[in-house]
Amino acid sequence: MLMPSSSQAMESEQPPRWLEEVLQVHFQHLQLLQQQNQRIADLVSMLVEREKASTSAADVTLPAPRVDPYGDLVRDLPTFNYEGDEDETFNAWYTRYGPVIDDRGKALSDDRKRNLIVEKLDKATYKTYSEHVLPLKPQEIDLATTIDNLRKLFGPKRTLIRRRYEFLQSKCPPLNGAYVPYREYGNMIKRKFEDASMKDVDSDSLKCLVFLSGLTDPSHSETRLRLLNQLNRLKESDPAPLLDDFINECETFVTLRTDNRAIESKEVNAAYQRKTAKQDKKHPYSPNKGFRYRRQPRDHSLHSPSRNARSASPAKKHYRGQRDQELLRASSFFALCYRAYHRATSV
């Protein structure tokens, strides 16, 4: 039996040609797929880089939107209406909404805060304030001065002395049924204490307040009015009044009033005597049967004005009114001169 040669054996071991062609085509397809995948990966990477670049550029170039709180505050804050009798004062309004303006309006300048406060005034209040600050305009005044002016102009109509007096006269409502007034009474005490600025009252001022609140009798009305006027004229920089000053003021006033009345009585008597002397000259003695001369009856117009008023003409009435006024002014002037002379001689 013949054995195949080596060349024939090698030819028989080689794959067929069609298989080589199939493998070659498959290999080419794989290469194309790899190239496509690489292109896709490169394209995705490029898109990601572009997205990152655009995002970073937007963060750098586009500023964050600014929020202006002015419009929000104008919309949210209530308008100020002045009611002095009901304690609807500017101080009460600013005490409540001033912290809101400072908190929400941190980015606002002082000028814009001033404009905001002026804008929240109602029509009547703004008219009063704008006329008060003439010749300046409200926009020409700084924030601190604006707040101070509004507090003074639209403060409580009651004086500080009256508020302190009302604080000392506070009374608790009666306890009846289910109504327990103690919390409401305590809150009223707190409110009146702050409204009357009682924390600024020292011992001397408190004594003067108690002294003044005790002058309730009608006989002390003039003295009480003088003391109230004296307290009302005090400024914050002035020293507090002393109780001894009040006592001296009251005694001096009573002495002056007594001297004034005494001098006034003397002046009235002297004027009456001068008038009767003039009337005697106009109406001389007339003869009579029983007497050689008879004096005419005196004019009792000062003692009986109603009887004389019936026969007096309007011109005479006007003259008497002017005369009485001149006598009153003269008596007041002499009283002051007498008091000044008394002080000078006593010193």
C-alpha atoms as a PDB file:
ATOM      1  CA  MET A   1       0.000   0.000   0.000  1.00  0.00           C
ATOM      2  CA  LEU A   2       1.459   3.359  -0.984  1.00  0.00           C
ATOM      3  CA  MET A   3       1.852   6.126   1.712  1.00  0.00           C
ATOM      4  CA  PRO A   4       0.943   9.778   0.839  1.00  0.00           C
ATOM      5  CA  SER A   5       3.828  12.130   0.445  1.00  0.00           C
ATOM      6  CA  SER A   6       4.546  15.051   2.896  1.00  0.00           C
ATOM      7  CA  SER A   7       3.380  17.761   0.500  1.00  0.00           C
ATOM      8  CA  GLN A   8       0.103  16.008   0.049  1.00  0.00           C
ATOM      9  CA  ALA A   9      -0.287  15.762   3.853  1.00  0.00           C
ATOM     10  CA  MET A  10       0.301  19.513   4.357  1.00  0.00           C
ATOM     11  CA  GLU A  11      -2.185  20.383   1.680  1.00  0.00           C
ATOM     12  CA  SER A  12      -4.739  18.184   3.346  1.00  0.00           C
ATOM     13  CA  GLU A  13      -4.179  19.932   6.787  1.00  0.00           C
ATOM     14  CA  GLN A  14      -4.683  23.513   5.446  1.00  0.00           C
ATOM     15  CA  PRO A  15      -8.278  24.930   5.856  1.00  0.00           C
ATOM     16  CA  PRO A  16     -10.316  25.381   2.806  1.00  0.00           C
ATOM     17  CA  ARG A  17     -10.118  28.688   1.022  1.00  0.00           C
ATOM     18  CA  TRP A  18     -13.719  29.674   1.545  1.00  0.00           C
ATOM     19  CA  LEU A  19     -13.213  29.441   5.284  1.00  0.00           C
ATOM     20  CA  GLU A  20     -10.306  31.831   5.109  1.00  0.00           C
ATOM     21  CA  GLU A  21     -12.419  34.299   3.206  1.00  0.00           C
ATOM     22  CA  VAL A  22     -15.213  34.069   5.788  1.00  0.00           C
ATOM     23  CA  LEU A  23     -12.801  34.619   8.644  1.00  0.00           C
ATOM     24  CA  GLN A  24     -11.217  37.528   6.871  1.00  0.00           C
ATOM     25  CA  VAL A  25     -14.589  39.200   6.313  1.00  0.00           C
ATOM     26  CA  HIS A  26     -15.533  38.635   9.958  1.00  0.00           C
ATOM     27  CA  PHE A  27     -12.251  40.154  11.105  1.00  0.00           C
ATOM     28  CA  GLN A  28     -12.880  43.219   8.979  1.00  0.00           C
ATOM     29  CA  HIS A  29     -16.326  43.590  10.550  1.00  0.00           C
ATOM     30  CA  LEU A  30     -14.805  43.446  14.011  1.00  0.00           C
ATOM     31  CA  GLN A  31     -12.347  46.155  13.107  1.00  0.00           C
ATOM     32  CA  LEU A  32     -15.174  48.356  11.817  1.00  0.00           C
ATOM     33  CA  LEU A  33     -17.145  47.805  15.035  1.00  0.00           C
ATOM     34  CA  GLN A  34     -14.130  48.726  17.143  1.00  0.00           C
ATOM     35  CA  GLN A  35     -13.597  51.879  15.110  1.00  0.00           C
ATOM     36  CA  GLN A  36     -17.264  52.829  15.478  1.00  0.00           C
ATOM     37  CA  ASN A  37     -17.166  52.226  19.225  1.00  0.00           C
ATOM     38  CA  GLN A  38     -14.062  54.359  19.511  1.00  0.00           C
ATOM     39  CA  ARG A  39     -15.709  57.143  17.558  1.00  0.00           C
ATOM     40  CA  ILE A  40     -18.807  56.934  19.749  1.00  0.00           C
ATOM     41  CA  ALA A  41     -16.669  57.066  22.880  1.00  0.00           C
ATOM     42  CA  ASP A  42     -14.753  60.050  21.546  1.00  0.00           C
ATOM     43  CA  LEU A  43     -18.011  61.795  20.646  1.00  0.00           C
ATOM     44  CA  VAL A  44     -19.481  61.181  24.108  1.00  0.00           C
ATOM     45  CA  SER A  45     -16.329  62.486  25.760  1.00  0.00           C
ATOM     46  CA  MET A  46     -16.414  65.582  23.581  1.00  0.00           C
ATOM     47  CA  LEU A  47     -20.069  66.233  24.476  1.00  0.00           C
ATOM     48  CA  VAL A  48     -19.344  65.838  28.174  1.00  0.00           C
ATOM     49  CA  GLU A  49     -16.440  68.256  27.956  1.00  0.00           C
ATOM     50  CA  ARG A  50     -18.571  70.775  26.105  1.00  0.00           C
ATOM     51  CA  GLU A  51     -21.321  70.478  28.734  1.00  0.00           C
ATOM     52  CA  LYS A  52     -18.840  71.044  31.533  1.00  0.00           C
ATOM     53  CA  ALA A  53     -17.325  74.008  29.733  1.00  0.00           C
ATOM     54  CA  SER A  54     -20.722  75.613  29.081  1.00  0.00           C
ATOM     55  CA  THR A  55     -21.811  75.065  32.707  1.00  0.00           C
ATOM     56  CA  SER A  56     -18.656  76.639  34.116  1.00  0.00           C
ATOM     57  CA  ALA A  57     -18.922  79.555  31.691  1.00  0.00           C
ATOM     58  CA  ALA A  58     -22.537  80.146  32.725  1.00  0.00           C
ATOM     59  CA  ASP A  59     -21.550  80.124  36.389  1.00  0.00           C
ATOM     60  CA  VAL A  60     -18.883  82.717  35.767  1.00  0.00           C
ATOM     61  CA  THR A  61     -20.654  85.082  33.384  1.00  0.00           C
ATOM     62  CA  LEU A  62     -24.287  84.964  34.569  1.00  0.00           C
ATOM     63  CA  PRO A  63     -24.772  86.795  37.930  1.00  0.00           C
ATOM     64  CA  ALA A  64     -27.398  85.655  40.389  1.00  0.00           C
ATOM     65  CA  PRO A  65     -30.669  87.596  40.177  1.00  0.00           C
ATOM     66  CA  ARG A  66     -30.805  90.440  42.741  1.00  0.00           C
ATOM     67  CA  VAL A  67     -33.824  90.750  45.007  1.00  0.00           C
ATOM     68  CA  ASP A  68     -34.802  94.325  45.961  1.00  0.00           C
ATOM     69  CA  PRO A  69     -36.625  94.270  49.343  1.00  0.00           C
ATOM     70  CA  TYR A  70     -37.936  97.836  48.958  1.00  0.00           C
ATOM     71  CA  GLY A  71     -40.987  96.830  46.967  1.00  0.00           C
ATOM     72  CA  ASP A  72     -41.759  93.920  49.295  1.00  0.00           C
ATOM     73  CA  LEU A  73     -41.594  96.181  52.350  1.00  0.00           C
ATOM     74  CA  VAL A  74     -43.800  98.814  50.719  1.00  0.00           C
ATOM     75  CA  ARG A  75     -46.351  96.110  49.965  1.00  0.00           C
ATOM     76  CA  ASP A  76     -46.224  94.328  53.333  1.00  0.00           C
ATOM     77  CA  LEU A  77     -45.906  97.171  55.866  1.00  0.00           C
ATOM     78  CA  PRO A  78     -49.163  98.854  56.975  1.00  0.00           C
ATOM     79  CA  THR A  79     -49.716 102.578  56.531  1.00  0.00           C
ATOM     80  CA  PHE A  80     -49.217 104.777  59.585  1.00  0.00           C
ATOM     81  CA  ASN A  81     -52.373 106.613  60.704  1.00  0.00           C
ATOM     82  CA  TYR A  82     -51.972 109.074  63.551  1.00  0.00           C
ATOM     83  CA  GLU A  83     -54.504 108.810  66.375  1.00  0.00           C
ATOM     84  CA  GLY A  84     -52.991 110.543  69.397  1.00  0.00           C
ATOM     85  CA  ASP A  85     -56.005 110.007  71.646  1.00  0.00           C
ATOM     86  CA  GLU A  86     -55.915 106.248  71.042  1.00  0.00           C
ATOM     87  CA  ASP A  87     -52.122 105.972  71.459  1.00  0.00           C
ATOM     88  CA  GLU A  88     -51.691 105.238  67.729  1.00  0.00           C
ATOM     89  CA  THR A  89     -48.412 107.152  67.734  1.00  0.00           C
ATOM     90  CA  PHE A  90     -45.425 106.922  65.429  1.00  0.00           C
ATOM     91  CA  ASN A  91     -43.308 105.583  68.271  1.00  0.00           C
ATOM     92  CA  ALA A  92     -45.705 102.640  68.665  1.00  0.00           C
ATOM     93  CA  TRP A  93     -45.689 102.028  64.886  1.00  0.00           C
ATOM     94  CA  TYR A  94     -41.900 102.176  64.584  1.00  0.00           C
ATOM     95  CA  THR A  95     -41.374 100.061  67.693  1.00  0.00           C
ATOM     96  CA  ARG A  96     -43.298  97.275  65.975  1.00  0.00           C
ATOM     97  CA  TYR A  97     -42.136  97.616  62.365  1.00  0.00           C
ATOM     98  CA  GLY A  98     -38.700  99.209  62.782  1.00  0.00           C
ATOM     99  CA  PRO A  99     -37.000  95.834  63.419  1.00  0.00           C
ATOM    100  CA  VAL A 100     -38.749  94.449  60.310  1.00  0.00           C
ATOM    101  CA  ILE A 101     -37.284  97.255  58.197  1.00  0.00           C
ATOM    102  CA  ASP A 102     -33.808  96.683  59.638  1.00  0.00           C
ATOM    103  CA  ASP A 103     -33.997  92.896  59.169  1.00  0.00           C
ATOM    104  CA  ARG A 104     -35.551  92.600  55.727  1.00  0.00           C
ATOM    105  CA  GLY A 105     -33.985  95.805  54.462  1.00  0.00           C
ATOM    106  CA  LYS A 106     -30.359  95.083  55.312  1.00  0.00           C
ATOM    107  CA  ALA A 107     -29.353  95.775  51.720  1.00  0.00           C
ATOM    108  CA  LEU A 108     -31.134  99.138  51.700  1.00  0.00           C
ATOM    109  CA  SER A 109     -29.260 102.359  52.317  1.00  0.00           C
ATOM    110  CA  ASP A 110     -30.356 104.840  54.978  1.00  0.00           C
ATOM    111  CA  ASP A 111     -31.801 107.130  52.308  1.00  0.00           C
ATOM    112  CA  ARG A 112     -34.021 104.353  50.934  1.00  0.00           C
ATOM    113  CA  LYS A 113     -35.121 103.410  54.454  1.00  0.00           C
ATOM    114  CA  ARG A 114     -36.042 107.062  55.030  1.00  0.00           C
ATOM    115  CA  ASN A 115     -38.009 107.119  51.773  1.00  0.00           C
ATOM    116  CA  LEU A 116     -39.749 103.898  52.802  1.00  0.00           C
ATOM    117  CA  ILE A 117     -40.847 105.352  56.150  1.00  0.00           C
ATOM    118  CA  VAL A 118     -42.061 108.594  54.558  1.00  0.00           C
ATOM    119  CA  GLU A 119     -43.948 106.617  51.905  1.00  0.00           C
ATOM    120  CA  LYS A 120     -45.826 104.657  54.583  1.00  0.00           C
ATOM    121  CA  LEU A 121     -47.333 107.874  56.048  1.00  0.00           C
ATOM    122  CA  ASP A 122     -50.962 108.412  55.170  1.00  0.00           C
ATOM    123  CA  LYS A 123     -52.097 111.509  53.276  1.00  0.00           C
ATOM    124  CA  ALA A 124     -52.943 113.717  56.262  1.00  0.00           C
ATOM    125  CA  THR A 125     -49.848 112.678  58.223  1.00  0.00           C
ATOM    126  CA  TYR A 126     -47.530 113.303  55.279  1.00  0.00           C
ATOM    127  CA  LYS A 127     -49.078 116.745  54.697  1.00  0.00           C
ATOM    128  CA  THR A 128     -48.530 117.708  58.332  1.00  0.00           C
ATOM    129  CA  TYR A 129     -44.935 116.436  58.341  1.00  0.00           C
ATOM    130  CA  SER A 130     -43.961 118.008  55.007  1.00  0.00           C
ATOM    131  CA  GLU A 131     -45.256 121.401  56.174  1.00  0.00           C
ATOM    132  CA  HIS A 132     -43.519 120.995  59.527  1.00  0.00           C
ATOM    133  CA  VAL A 133     -40.033 120.566  58.008  1.00  0.00           C
ATOM    134  CA  LEU A 134     -40.307 123.494  55.585  1.00  0.00           C
ATOM    135  CA  PRO A 135     -38.254 124.989  53.944  1.00  0.00           C
ATOM    136  CA  LEU A 136     -36.587 121.574  53.733  1.00  0.00           C
ATOM    137  CA  LYS A 137     -38.119 118.626  51.914  1.00  0.00           C
ATOM    138  CA  PRO A 138     -38.595 115.216  53.568  1.00  0.00           C
ATOM    139  CA  GLN A 139     -36.061 113.726  51.127  1.00  0.00           C
ATOM    140  CA  GLU A 140     -33.394 116.189  52.310  1.00  0.00           C
ATOM    141  CA  ILE A 141     -33.420 114.992  55.932  1.00  0.00           C
ATOM    142  CA  ASP A 142     -31.380 112.010  57.108  1.00  0.00           C
ATOM    143  CA  LEU A 143     -32.901 108.846  58.564  1.00  0.00           C
ATOM    144  CA  ALA A 144     -32.170 109.490  62.256  1.00  0.00           C
ATOM    145  CA  THR A 145     -33.522 113.057  62.152  1.00  0.00           C
ATOM    146  CA  THR A 146     -36.621 111.897  60.269  1.00  0.00           C
ATOM    147  CA  ILE A 147     -37.431 109.293  62.914  1.00  0.00           C
ATOM    148  CA  ASP A 148     -36.845 111.802  65.728  1.00  0.00           C
ATOM    149  CA  ASN A 149     -39.059 114.435  64.065  1.00  0.00           C
ATOM    150  CA  LEU A 150     -41.871 111.946  63.484  1.00  0.00           C
ATOM    151  CA  ARG A 151     -41.735 110.761  67.097  1.00  0.00           C
ATOM    152  CA  LYS A 152     -42.017 114.313  68.404  1.00  0.00           C
ATOM    153  CA  LEU A 153     -44.640 115.479  65.906  1.00  0.00           C
ATOM    154  CA  PHE A 154     -46.881 112.412  66.110  1.00  0.00           C
ATOM    155  CA  GLY A 155     -46.476 111.540  69.768  1.00  0.00           C
ATOM    156  CA  PRO A 156     -49.203 111.146  72.379  1.00  0.00           C
ATOM    157  CA  LYS A 157     -51.428 114.174  72.884  1.00  0.00           C
ATOM    158  CA  ARG A 158     -51.249 113.677  76.634  1.00  0.00           C
ATOM    159  CA  THR A 159     -48.265 115.267  78.320  1.00  0.00           C
ATOM    160  CA  LEU A 160     -45.660 113.194  80.095  1.00  0.00           C
ATOM    161  CA  ILE A 161     -46.842 114.496  83.466  1.00  0.00           C
ATOM    162  CA  ARG A 162     -50.391 113.405  82.740  1.00  0.00           C
ATOM    163  CA  ARG A 163     -49.273 109.917  81.679  1.00  0.00           C
ATOM    164  CA  ARG A 164     -47.238 109.540  84.847  1.00  0.00           C
ATOM    165  CA  TYR A 165     -50.132 110.791  86.937  1.00  0.00           C
ATOM    166  CA  GLU A 166     -52.462 108.272  85.273  1.00  0.00           C
ATOM    167  CA  PHE A 167     -49.923 105.548  85.974  1.00  0.00           C
ATOM    168  CA  LEU A 168     -49.940 106.393  89.682  1.00  0.00           C
ATOM    169  CA  GLN A 169     -53.755 106.429  89.652  1.00  0.00           C
ATOM    170  CA  SER A 170     -54.083 102.963  88.065  1.00  0.00           C
ATOM    171  CA  LYS A 171     -56.793 100.790  89.584  1.00  0.00           C
ATOM    172  CA  CYS A 172     -57.651  97.131  89.138  1.00  0.00           C
ATOM    173  CA  PRO A 173     -61.144  96.317  87.791  1.00  0.00           C
ATOM    174  CA  PRO A 174     -63.463  94.476  90.197  1.00  0.00           C
ATOM    175  CA  LEU A 175     -63.473  90.692  90.362  1.00  0.00           C
ATOM    176  CA  ASN A 176     -66.878  89.346  89.400  1.00  0.00           C
ATOM    177  CA  GLY A 177     -68.042  85.937  88.210  1.00  0.00           C
ATOM    178  CA  ALA A 178     -65.760  84.337  85.653  1.00  0.00           C
ATOM    179  CA  TYR A 179     -63.873  87.558  84.919  1.00  0.00           C
ATOM    180  CA  VAL A 180     -60.395  87.501  86.472  1.00  0.00           C
ATOM    181  CA  PRO A 181     -58.809  90.907  85.771  1.00  0.00           C
ATOM    182  CA  TYR A 182     -55.331  90.380  87.207  1.00  0.00           C
ATOM    183  CA  ARG A 183     -53.480  89.527  83.989  1.00  0.00           C
ATOM    184  CA  GLU A 184     -55.173  92.342  82.079  1.00  0.00           C
ATOM    185  CA  TYR A 185     -54.453  94.715  84.961  1.00  0.00           C
ATOM    186  CA  GLY A 186     -50.800  93.658  85.059  1.00  0.00           C
ATOM    187  CA  ASN A 187     -50.435  94.155  81.289  1.00  0.00           C
ATOM    188  CA  MET A 188     -51.999  97.604  81.652  1.00  0.00           C
ATOM    189  CA  ILE A 189     -49.431  98.449  84.358  1.00  0.00           C
ATOM    190  CA  LYS A 190     -46.588  97.373  82.055  1.00  0.00           C
ATOM    191  CA  ARG A 191     -47.948  99.415  79.154  1.00  0.00           C
ATOM    192  CA  LYS A 192     -48.502 102.545  81.238  1.00  0.00           C
ATOM    193  CA  PHE A 193     -45.075 102.157  82.842  1.00  0.00           C
ATOM    194  CA  GLU A 194     -43.357 102.222  79.454  1.00  0.00           C
ATOM    195  CA  ASP A 195     -45.662 104.919  78.087  1.00  0.00           C
ATOM    196  CA  ALA A 196     -44.929 107.193  81.053  1.00  0.00           C
ATOM    197  CA  SER A 197     -41.158 106.486  80.993  1.00  0.00           C
ATOM    198  CA  MET A 198     -41.282 105.667  84.677  1.00  0.00           C
ATOM    199  CA  LYS A 199     -37.826 104.096  84.516  1.00  0.00           C
ATOM    200  CA  ASP A 200     -36.434 107.640  84.162  1.00  0.00           C
ATOM    201  CA  VAL A 201     -38.182 108.869  87.323  1.00  0.00           C
ATOM    202  CA  ASP A 202     -35.858 109.287  90.298  1.00  0.00           C
ATOM    203  CA  SER A 203     -36.838 109.636  93.940  1.00  0.00           C
ATOM    204  CA  ASP A 204     -37.119 113.449  93.816  1.00  0.00           C
ATOM    205  CA  SER A 205     -39.345 113.390  90.737  1.00  0.00           C
ATOM    206  CA  LEU A 206     -41.539 110.724  92.305  1.00  0.00           C
ATOM    207  CA  LYS A 207     -42.023 112.870  95.417  1.00  0.00           C
ATOM    208  CA  CYS A 208     -43.034 115.803  93.232  1.00  0.00           C
ATOM    209  CA  LEU A 209     -45.526 113.636  91.349  1.00  0.00           C
ATOM    210  CA  VAL A 210     -47.133 112.426  94.561  1.00  0.00           C
ATOM    211  CA  PHE A 211     -47.207 116.012  95.879  1.00  0.00           C
ATOM    212  CA  LEU A 212     -48.868 117.197  92.688  1.00  0.00           C
ATOM    213  CA  SER A 213     -51.404 114.369  92.571  1.00  0.00           C
ATOM    214  CA  GLY A 214     -52.556 115.305  96.083  1.00  0.00           C
ATOM    215  CA  LEU A 215     -53.595 118.848  95.095  1.00  0.00           C
ATOM    216  CA  THR A 216     -57.139 117.785  94.196  1.00  0.00           C
ATOM    217  CA  ASP A 217     -59.127 120.408  96.110  1.00  0.00           C
ATOM    218  CA  PRO A 218     -60.520 123.277  93.963  1.00  0.00           C
ATOM    219  CA  SER A 219     -58.686 125.795  96.158  1.00  0.00           C
ATOM    220  CA  HIS A 220     -55.381 124.445  94.785  1.00  0.00           C
ATOM    221  CA  SER A 221     -56.370 124.772  91.106  1.00  0.00           C
ATOM    222  CA  GLU A 222     -54.186 127.822  90.351  1.00  0.00           C
ATOM    223  CA  THR A 223     -51.234 126.413  92.270  1.00  0.00           C
ATOM    224  CA  ARG A 224     -51.590 123.046  90.542  1.00  0.00           C
ATOM    225  CA  LEU A 225     -51.667 124.728  87.146  1.00  0.00           C
ATOM    226  CA  ARG A 226     -48.430 126.595  87.876  1.00  0.00           C
ATOM    227  CA  LEU A 227     -46.673 123.388  88.938  1.00  0.00           C
ATOM    228  CA  LEU A 228     -47.917 121.522  85.868  1.00  0.00           C
ATOM    229  CA  ASN A 229     -46.667 124.296  83.627  1.00  0.00           C
ATOM    230  CA  GLN A 230     -43.299 124.248  85.367  1.00  0.00           C
ATOM    231  CA  LEU A 231     -42.948 120.487  84.902  1.00  0.00           C
ATOM    232  CA  ASN A 232     -44.087 120.618  81.303  1.00  0.00           C
ATOM    233  CA  ARG A 233     -41.360 123.151  80.413  1.00  0.00           C
ATOM    234  CA  LEU A 234     -38.582 120.926  81.719  1.00  0.00           C
ATOM    235  CA  LYS A 235     -36.198 119.525  79.116  1.00  0.00           C
ATOM    236  CA  GLU A 236     -34.300 116.262  79.238  1.00  0.00           C
ATOM    237  CA  SER A 237     -31.062 118.106  79.997  1.00  0.00           C
ATOM    238  CA  ASP A 238     -32.598 120.067  82.899  1.00  0.00           C
ATOM    239  CA  PRO A 239     -32.140 118.764  86.457  1.00  0.00           C
ATOM    240  CA  ALA A 240     -35.051 117.022  88.112  1.00  0.00           C
ATOM    241  CA  PRO A 241     -37.274 119.237  90.293  1.00  0.00           C
ATOM    242  CA  LEU A 242     -37.067 118.982  94.062  1.00  0.00           C
ATOM    243  CA  LEU A 243     -39.948 118.775  96.498  1.00  0.00           C
ATOM    244  CA  ASP A 244     -38.631 121.814  98.391  1.00  0.00           C
ATOM    245  CA  ASP A 245     -38.756 123.807  95.143  1.00  0.00           C
ATOM    246  CA  PHE A 246     -42.412 122.880  94.763  1.00  0.00           C
ATOM    247  CA  ILE A 247     -43.158 123.932  98.327  1.00  0.00           C
ATOM    248  CA  ASN A 248     -41.407 127.290  97.894  1.00  0.00           C
ATOM    249  CA  GLU A 249     -43.178 127.864  94.583  1.00  0.00           C
ATOM    250  CA  CYS A 250     -46.585 127.234  96.135  1.00  0.00           C
ATOM    251  CA  GLU A 251     -45.962 129.467  99.136  1.00  0.00           C
ATOM    252  CA  THR A 252     -44.560 132.257  96.966  1.00  0.00           C
ATOM    253  CA  PHE A 253     -47.568 132.098  94.672  1.00  0.00           C
ATOM    254  CA  VAL A 254     -50.028 132.278  97.577  1.00  0.00           C
ATOM    255  CA  THR A 255     -48.160 135.271  99.020  1.00  0.00           C
ATOM    256  CA  LEU A 256     -48.153 137.067  95.669  1.00  0.00           C
ATOM    257  CA  ARG A 257     -51.842 136.415  95.194  1.00  0.00           C
ATOM    258  CA  THR A 258     -52.640 137.792  98.658  1.00  0.00           C
ATOM    259  CA  ASP A 259     -50.551 140.908  98.039  1.00  0.00           C
ATOM    260  CA  ASN A 260     -52.185 141.388  94.653  1.00  0.00           C
ATOM    261  CA  ARG A 261     -55.665 141.239  96.153  1.00  0.00           C
ATOM    262  CA  ALA A 262     -54.726 143.701  98.903  1.00  0.00           C
ATOM    263  CA  ILE A 263     -53.272 146.206  96.435  1.00  0.00           C
ATOM    264  CA  GLU A 264     -56.236 145.728  94.114  1.00  0.00           C
ATOM    265  CA  SER A 265     -58.662 146.547  96.953  1.00  0.00           C
ATOM    266  CA  LYS A 266     -56.776 149.755  97.800  1.00  0.00           C
ATOM    267  CA  GLU A 267     -56.738 150.831  94.170  1.00  0.00           C
ATOM    268  CA  VAL A 268     -60.473 150.259  93.812  1.00  0.00           C
ATOM    269  CA  ASN A 269     -61.205 152.342  96.925  1.00  0.00           C
ATOM    270  CA  ALA A 270     -58.952 155.145  95.730  1.00  0.00           C
ATOM    271  CA  ALA A 271     -60.622 155.159  92.326  1.00  0.00           C
ATOM    272  CA  TYR A 272     -64.039 155.301  93.984  1.00  0.00           C
ATOM    273  CA  GLN A 273     -63.025 158.280  96.092  1.00  0.00           C
ATOM    274  CA  ARG A 274     -61.667 160.136  93.068  1.00  0.00           C
ATOM    275  CA  LYS A 275     -64.886 159.544  91.192  1.00  0.00           C
ATOM    276  CA  THR A 276     -67.115 160.830  93.992  1.00  0.00           C
ATOM    277  CA  ALA A 277     -64.947 163.941  94.317  1.00  0.00           C
ATOM    278  CA  LYS A 278     -65.410 164.714  90.621  1.00  0.00           C
ATOM    279  CA  GLN A 279     -69.150 164.249  90.898  1.00  0.00           C
ATOM    280  CA  ASP A 280     -69.293 166.631  93.860  1.00  0.00           C
ATOM    281  CA  LYS A 281     -67.641 169.320  91.762  1.00  0.00           C
ATOM    282  CA  LYS A 282     -70.159 168.847  88.978  1.00  0.00           C
ATOM    283  CA  HIS A 283     -73.144 168.994  91.383  1.00  0.00           C
ATOM    284  CA  PRO A 284     -72.555 171.810  93.947  1.00  0.00           C
ATOM    285  CA  TYR A 285     -74.664 172.413  97.045  1.00  0.00           C
ATOM    286  CA  SER A 286     -78.224 173.681  96.352  1.00  0.00           C
ATOM    287  CA  PRO A 287     -80.262 175.930  98.707  1.00  0.00           C
ATOM    288  CA  ASN A 288     -83.130 174.460 100.682  1.00  0.00           C
ATOM    289  CA  LYS A 289     -85.685 175.718 103.138  1.00  0.00           C
ATOM    290  CA  GLY A 290     -84.311 174.001 106.187  1.00  0.00           C
ATOM    291  CA  PHE A 291     -80.672 174.273 105.235  1.00  0.00           C
ATOM    292  CA  ARG A 292     -78.592 176.884 103.542  1.00  0.00           C
ATOM    293  CA  TYR A 293     -76.820 174.313 101.379  1.00  0.00           C
ATOM    294  CA  ARG A 294     -77.677 170.725 100.727  1.00  0.00           C
ATOM    295  CA  ARG A 295     -75.233 168.168  99.276  1.00  0.00           C
ATOM    296  CA  GLN A 296     -76.405 166.206  96.267  1.00  0.00           C
ATOM    297  CA  PRO A 297     -76.727 162.430  96.765  1.00  0.00           C
ATOM    298  CA  ARG A 298     -73.650 160.403  95.858  1.00  0.00           C
ATOM    299  CA  ASP A 299     -73.404 158.154  92.846  1.00  0.00           C
ATOM    300  CA  HIS A 300     -73.513 154.556  94.049  1.00  0.00           C
ATOM    301  CA  SER A 301     -72.745 153.086  90.657  1.00  0.00           C
ATOM    302  CA  LEU A 302     -69.897 150.925  92.016  1.00  0.00           C
ATOM    303  CA  HIS A 303     -72.183 149.408  94.634  1.00  0.00           C
ATOM    304  CA  SER A 304     -75.338 149.122  92.530  1.00  0.00           C
ATOM    305  CA  PRO A 305     -74.308 148.520  88.915  1.00  0.00           C
ATOM    306  CA  SER A 306     -77.691 147.129  87.941  1.00  0.00           C
ATOM    307  CA  ARG A 307     -79.565 150.341  88.891  1.00  0.00           C
ATOM    308  CA  ASN A 308     -77.035 152.561  87.183  1.00  0.00           C
ATOM    309  CA  ALA A 309     -76.863 150.346  84.115  1.00  0.00           C
ATOM    310  CA  ARG A 310     -80.511 151.083  83.310  1.00  0.00           C
ATOM    311  CA  SER A 311     -79.873 154.805  82.943  1.00  0.00           C
ATOM    312  CA  ALA A 312     -76.306 154.648  81.563  1.00  0.00           C
ATOM    313  CA  SER A 313     -75.708 155.172  77.865  1.00  0.00           C
ATOM    314  CA  PRO A 314     -73.645 152.696  75.756  1.00  0.00           C
ATOM    315  CA  ALA A 315     -70.752 155.163  75.682  1.00  0.00           C
ATOM    316  CA  LYS A 316     -70.694 155.326  79.487  1.00  0.00           C
ATOM    317  CA  LYS A 317     -70.823 151.542  79.743  1.00  0.00           C
ATOM    318  CA  HIS A 318     -67.870 151.246  77.383  1.00  0.00           C
ATOM    319  CA  TYR A 319     -65.943 153.833  79.377  1.00  0.00           C
ATOM    320  CA  ARG A 320     -66.593 151.988  82.642  1.00  0.00           C
ATOM    321  CA  GLY A 321     -65.408 148.707  81.126  1.00  0.00           C
ATOM    322  CA  GLN A 322     -62.170 150.322  79.963  1.00  0.00           C
ATOM    323  CA  ARG A 323     -61.710 151.932  83.363  1.00  0.00           C
ATOM    324  CA  ASP A 324     -62.129 148.613  85.183  1.00  0.00           C
ATOM    325  CA  GLN A 325     -59.608 146.943  82.884  1.00  0.00           C
ATOM    326  CA  GLU A 326     -57.094 149.742  83.475  1.00  0.00           C
ATOM    327  CA  LEU A 327     -57.570 149.409  87.233  1.00  0.00           C
ATOM    328  CA  LEU A 328     -56.987 145.665  87.029  1.00  0.00           C
ATOM    329  CA  ARG A 329     -53.805 146.088  84.993  1.00  0.00           C
ATOM    330  CA  ALA A 330     -52.555 148.773  87.353  1.00  0.00           C
ATOM    331  CA  SER A 331     -53.200 146.583  90.380  1.00  0.00           C
ATOM    332  CA  SER A 332     -51.280 143.687  88.818  1.00  0.00           C
ATOM    333  CA  PHE A 333     -48.361 145.990  88.004  1.00  0.00           C
ATOM    334  CA  PHE A 334     -48.274 147.406  91.551  1.00  0.00           C
ATOM    335  CA  ALA A 335     -48.381 143.870  92.942  1.00  0.00           C
ATOM    336  CA  LEU A 336     -45.321 142.872  90.943  1.00  0.00           C
ATOM    337  CA  CYS A 337     -43.488 146.044  91.959  1.00  0.00           C
ATOM    338  CA  TYR A 338     -44.371 145.469  95.593  1.00  0.00           C
ATOM    339  CA  ARG A 339     -43.135 141.915  95.478  1.00  0.00           C
ATOM    340  CA  ALA A 340     -39.874 142.893  93.788  1.00  0.00           C
ATOM    341  CA  TYR A 341     -39.319 145.609  96.390  1.00  0.00           C
ATOM    342  CA  HIS A 342     -40.076 143.160  99.187  1.00  0.00           C
ATOM    343  CA  ARG A 343     -37.553 140.671  97.825  1.00  0.00           C
ATOM    344  CA  ALA A 344     -34.889 143.324  97.369  1.00  0.00           C
ATOM    345  CA  THR A 345     -35.306 144.642 100.912  1.00  0.00           C
ATOM    346  CA  SER A 346     -35.391 141.147 102.440  1.00  0.00           C
ATOM    347  CA  VAL A 347     -32.080 140.247 100.767  1.00  0.00           C
END
